[in-house]
Amino acid sequence: VQLQASGGGLVQPGESLRLSCAASGRFFSFSDLAWYRQAPGDSREWVARIYGGGTTDYADSVKGRFTISKDNAKKTVYLQMNSLKPEDTAVYYCTLRNSRGHYWGQGTQVTVSS
């Protein structure tokens, strides 16, 4: 499994970004997909998850602002980020978990600054 994240960038507080993560491999629709992030000097933090059946879950820090979704036909998971705050600045990683393991993408930088 390979994961390729994209969509990061520099935005001002209050603006939006949508991250995408394209996956290779089989059985994407049955896999659990998640986004994590890591800010400089901090440990990696879980952000959002979408299970194979479509159920979603969010960290309290992003609940109500971020939305995770997926397109099984495109084997792509998304993270729509609204009302961004400076504390959302981090490298964002997508992950895929299936019966064979837990796979990580390379990360995409999100910077929220005025």
C-alpha atoms as a PDB file:
ATOM      1  CA  VAL A   1       0.000   0.000   0.000  1.00  0.00           C
ATOM      2  CA  GLN A   2       1.245   3.462  -0.884  1.00  0.00           C
ATOM      3  CA  LEU A   3      -0.336   6.720   0.191  1.00  0.00           C
ATOM      4  CA  GLN A   4       0.193  10.112  -1.456  1.00  0.00           C
ATOM      5  CA  ALA A   5      -1.063  13.160   0.410  1.00  0.00           C
ATOM      6  CA  SER A   6      -1.567  16.558  -1.192  1.00  0.00           C
ATOM      7  CA  GLY A   7      -3.399  19.834  -0.730  1.00  0.00           C
ATOM      8  CA  GLY A   8      -1.401  21.482   2.013  1.00  0.00           C
ATOM      9  CA  GLY A   9      -0.390  25.109   1.900  1.00  0.00           C
ATOM     10  CA  LEU A  10      -0.309  28.485   3.603  1.00  0.00           C
ATOM     11  CA  VAL A  11      -3.636  30.028   4.576  1.00  0.00           C
ATOM     12  CA  GLN A  12      -4.851  32.759   6.878  1.00  0.00           C
ATOM     13  CA  PRO A  13      -6.822  32.084  10.052  1.00  0.00           C
ATOM     14  CA  GLY A  14     -10.468  31.389   9.300  1.00  0.00           C
ATOM     15  CA  GLU A  15      -9.796  30.068   5.823  1.00  0.00           C
ATOM     16  CA  SER A  16     -10.257  26.519   4.515  1.00  0.00           C
ATOM     17  CA  LEU A  17      -8.178  23.797   2.926  1.00  0.00           C
ATOM     18  CA  ARG A  18      -8.961  20.342   1.622  1.00  0.00           C
ATOM     19  CA  LEU A  19      -6.353  17.640   1.897  1.00  0.00           C
ATOM     20  CA  SER A  20      -6.430  14.584  -0.329  1.00  0.00           C
ATOM     21  CA  CYS A  21      -4.705  11.255   0.018  1.00  0.00           C
ATOM     22  CA  ALA A  22      -4.642   8.782  -2.846  1.00  0.00           C
ATOM     23  CA  ALA A  23      -4.020   5.145  -2.010  1.00  0.00           C
ATOM     24  CA  SER A  24      -2.810   2.200  -4.007  1.00  0.00           C
ATOM     25  CA  GLY A  25      -3.524  -1.438  -3.321  1.00  0.00           C
ATOM     26  CA  ARG A  26      -6.595  -3.560  -2.880  1.00  0.00           C
ATOM     27  CA  PHE A  27      -9.542  -3.510  -0.511  1.00  0.00           C
ATOM     28  CA  PHE A  28      -9.470   0.255   0.021  1.00  0.00           C
ATOM     29  CA  SER A  29     -13.190   0.341   0.751  1.00  0.00           C
ATOM     30  CA  PHE A  30     -12.803  -2.063   3.653  1.00  0.00           C
ATOM     31  CA  SER A  31      -9.877  -0.246   5.231  1.00  0.00           C
ATOM     32  CA  ASP A  32      -9.888   2.204   8.112  1.00  0.00           C
ATOM     33  CA  LEU A  33      -8.475   5.564   7.063  1.00  0.00           C
ATOM     34  CA  ALA A  34      -7.220   8.353   9.277  1.00  0.00           C
ATOM     35  CA  TRP A  35      -5.423  11.673   9.378  1.00  0.00           C
ATOM     36  CA  TYR A  36      -2.770  12.537  11.926  1.00  0.00           C
ATOM     37  CA  ARG A  37      -0.732  15.679  12.344  1.00  0.00           C
ATOM     38  CA  GLN A  38       2.525  16.711  13.932  1.00  0.00           C
ATOM     39  CA  ALA A  39       3.490  20.246  14.829  1.00  0.00           C
ATOM     40  CA  PRO A  40       7.122  21.226  15.374  1.00  0.00           C
ATOM     41  CA  GLY A  41       8.294  20.030  18.778  1.00  0.00           C
ATOM     42  CA  ASP A  42       5.101  18.086  19.431  1.00  0.00           C
ATOM     43  CA  SER A  43       4.246  14.416  19.264  1.00  0.00           C
ATOM     44  CA  ARG A  44       2.072  13.100  16.482  1.00  0.00           C
ATOM     45  CA  GLU A  45      -1.632  13.658  17.116  1.00  0.00           C
ATOM     46  CA  TRP A  46      -4.619  11.785  15.739  1.00  0.00           C
ATOM     47  CA  VAL A  47      -7.086  14.098  13.965  1.00  0.00           C
ATOM     48  CA  ALA A  48      -9.885  12.129  12.302  1.00  0.00           C
ATOM     49  CA  ARG A  49     -10.841   8.621  11.245  1.00  0.00           C
ATOM     50  CA  ILE A  50     -13.288   7.040   8.843  1.00  0.00           C
ATOM     51  CA  TYR A  51     -13.987   3.358   9.164  1.00  0.00           C
ATOM     52  CA  GLY A  52     -14.596   1.005   6.283  1.00  0.00           C
ATOM     53  CA  GLY A  53     -18.331   1.229   6.815  1.00  0.00           C
ATOM     54  CA  GLY A  54     -18.247   5.020   6.742  1.00  0.00           C
ATOM     55  CA  THR A  55     -18.491   5.878  10.427  1.00  0.00           C
ATOM     56  CA  THR A  56     -16.357   8.879  11.345  1.00  0.00           C
ATOM     57  CA  ASP A  57     -14.658  10.068  14.497  1.00  0.00           C
ATOM     58  CA  TYR A  58     -12.809  13.282  15.348  1.00  0.00           C
ATOM     59  CA  ALA A  59     -10.422  14.674  17.888  1.00  0.00           C
ATOM     60  CA  ASP A  60     -12.079  17.235  20.137  1.00  0.00           C
ATOM     61  CA  SER A  61      -9.732  19.922  18.856  1.00  0.00           C
ATOM     62  CA  VAL A  62     -11.137  19.700  15.319  1.00  0.00           C
ATOM     63  CA  LYS A  63     -14.702  18.531  15.890  1.00  0.00           C
ATOM     64  CA  GLY A  64     -17.164  20.764  14.068  1.00  0.00           C
ATOM     65  CA  ARG A  65     -14.458  22.278  11.852  1.00  0.00           C
ATOM     66  CA  PHE A  66     -12.934  19.304  10.023  1.00  0.00           C
ATOM     67  CA  THR A  67     -14.696  16.654   7.954  1.00  0.00           C
ATOM     68  CA  ILE A  68     -13.184  13.389   6.804  1.00  0.00           C
ATOM     69  CA  SER A  69     -14.635  11.607   3.789  1.00  0.00           C
ATOM     70  CA  LYS A  70     -13.608   9.099   1.180  1.00  0.00           C
ATOM     71  CA  ASP A  71     -14.267   8.107  -2.396  1.00  0.00           C
ATOM     72  CA  ASN A  72     -13.898   4.350  -2.733  1.00  0.00           C
ATOM     73  CA  ALA A  73     -13.905   4.464  -6.531  1.00  0.00           C
ATOM     74  CA  LYS A  74     -10.971   6.880  -6.522  1.00  0.00           C
ATOM     75  CA  LYS A  75      -9.297   5.216  -3.525  1.00  0.00           C
ATOM     76  CA  THR A  76      -8.944   8.651  -2.004  1.00  0.00           C
ATOM     77  CA  VAL A  77      -9.573  10.004   1.471  1.00  0.00           C
ATOM     78  CA  TYR A  78     -10.154  13.691   2.109  1.00  0.00           C
ATOM     79  CA  LEU A  79      -9.903  16.058   5.021  1.00  0.00           C
ATOM     80  CA  GLN A  80     -11.932  19.230   4.644  1.00  0.00           C
ATOM     81  CA  MET A  81     -10.599  21.785   7.097  1.00  0.00           C
ATOM     82  CA  ASN A  82     -12.664  24.884   7.797  1.00  0.00           C
ATOM     83  CA  SER A  83     -12.184  27.784  10.189  1.00  0.00           C
ATOM     84  CA  LEU A  84      -8.496  27.047  10.401  1.00  0.00           C
ATOM     85  CA  LYS A  85      -6.542  28.306  13.388  1.00  0.00           C
ATOM     86  CA  PRO A  86      -2.818  28.926  13.848  1.00  0.00           C
ATOM     87  CA  GLU A  87      -2.701  25.922  16.181  1.00  0.00           C
ATOM     88  CA  ASP A  88      -3.728  23.722  13.239  1.00  0.00           C
ATOM     89  CA  THR A  89      -0.306  24.345  11.722  1.00  0.00           C
ATOM     90  CA  ALA A  90       1.403  20.973  11.304  1.00  0.00           C
ATOM     91  CA  VAL A  91       2.460  18.306   8.875  1.00  0.00           C
ATOM     92  CA  TYR A  92      -0.601  16.209   8.125  1.00  0.00           C
ATOM     93  CA  TYR A  93      -0.307  12.488   7.453  1.00  0.00           C
ATOM     94  CA  CYS A  94      -2.860  10.089   6.057  1.00  0.00           C
ATOM     95  CA  THR A  95      -2.899   6.471   7.158  1.00  0.00           C
ATOM     96  CA  LEU A  96      -4.570   3.272   6.082  1.00  0.00           C
ATOM     97  CA  ARG A  97      -5.096   0.302   8.362  1.00  0.00           C
ATOM     98  CA  ASN A  98      -6.105  -3.129   7.143  1.00  0.00           C
ATOM     99  CA  SER A  99      -5.540  -6.718   8.176  1.00  0.00           C
ATOM    100  CA  ARG A 100      -1.990  -6.579   6.839  1.00  0.00           C
ATOM    101  CA  GLY A 101      -0.760  -3.505   8.631  1.00  0.00           C
ATOM    102  CA  HIS A 102      -0.848   0.221   9.285  1.00  0.00           C
ATOM    103  CA  TYR A 103       0.484   2.321   6.430  1.00  0.00           C
ATOM    104  CA  TRP A 104       1.526   5.990   6.423  1.00  0.00           C
ATOM    105  CA  GLY A 105       1.798   8.590   3.707  1.00  0.00           C
ATOM    106  CA  GLN A 106       4.615  11.106   3.410  1.00  0.00           C
ATOM    107  CA  GLY A 107       2.832  14.117   4.904  1.00  0.00           C
ATOM    108  CA  THR A 108       1.738  17.503   3.634  1.00  0.00           C
ATOM    109  CA  GLN A 109       2.471  20.817   5.341  1.00  0.00           C
ATOM    110  CA  VAL A 110      -0.387  23.030   6.504  1.00  0.00           C
ATOM    111  CA  THR A 111       0.520  26.483   7.782  1.00  0.00           C
ATOM    112  CA  VAL A 112      -2.088  28.837   9.219  1.00  0.00           C
ATOM    113  CA  SER A 113      -0.710  32.322   9.681  1.00  0.00           C
ATOM    114  CA  SER A 114      -1.665  35.918   9.116  1.00  0.00           C
END
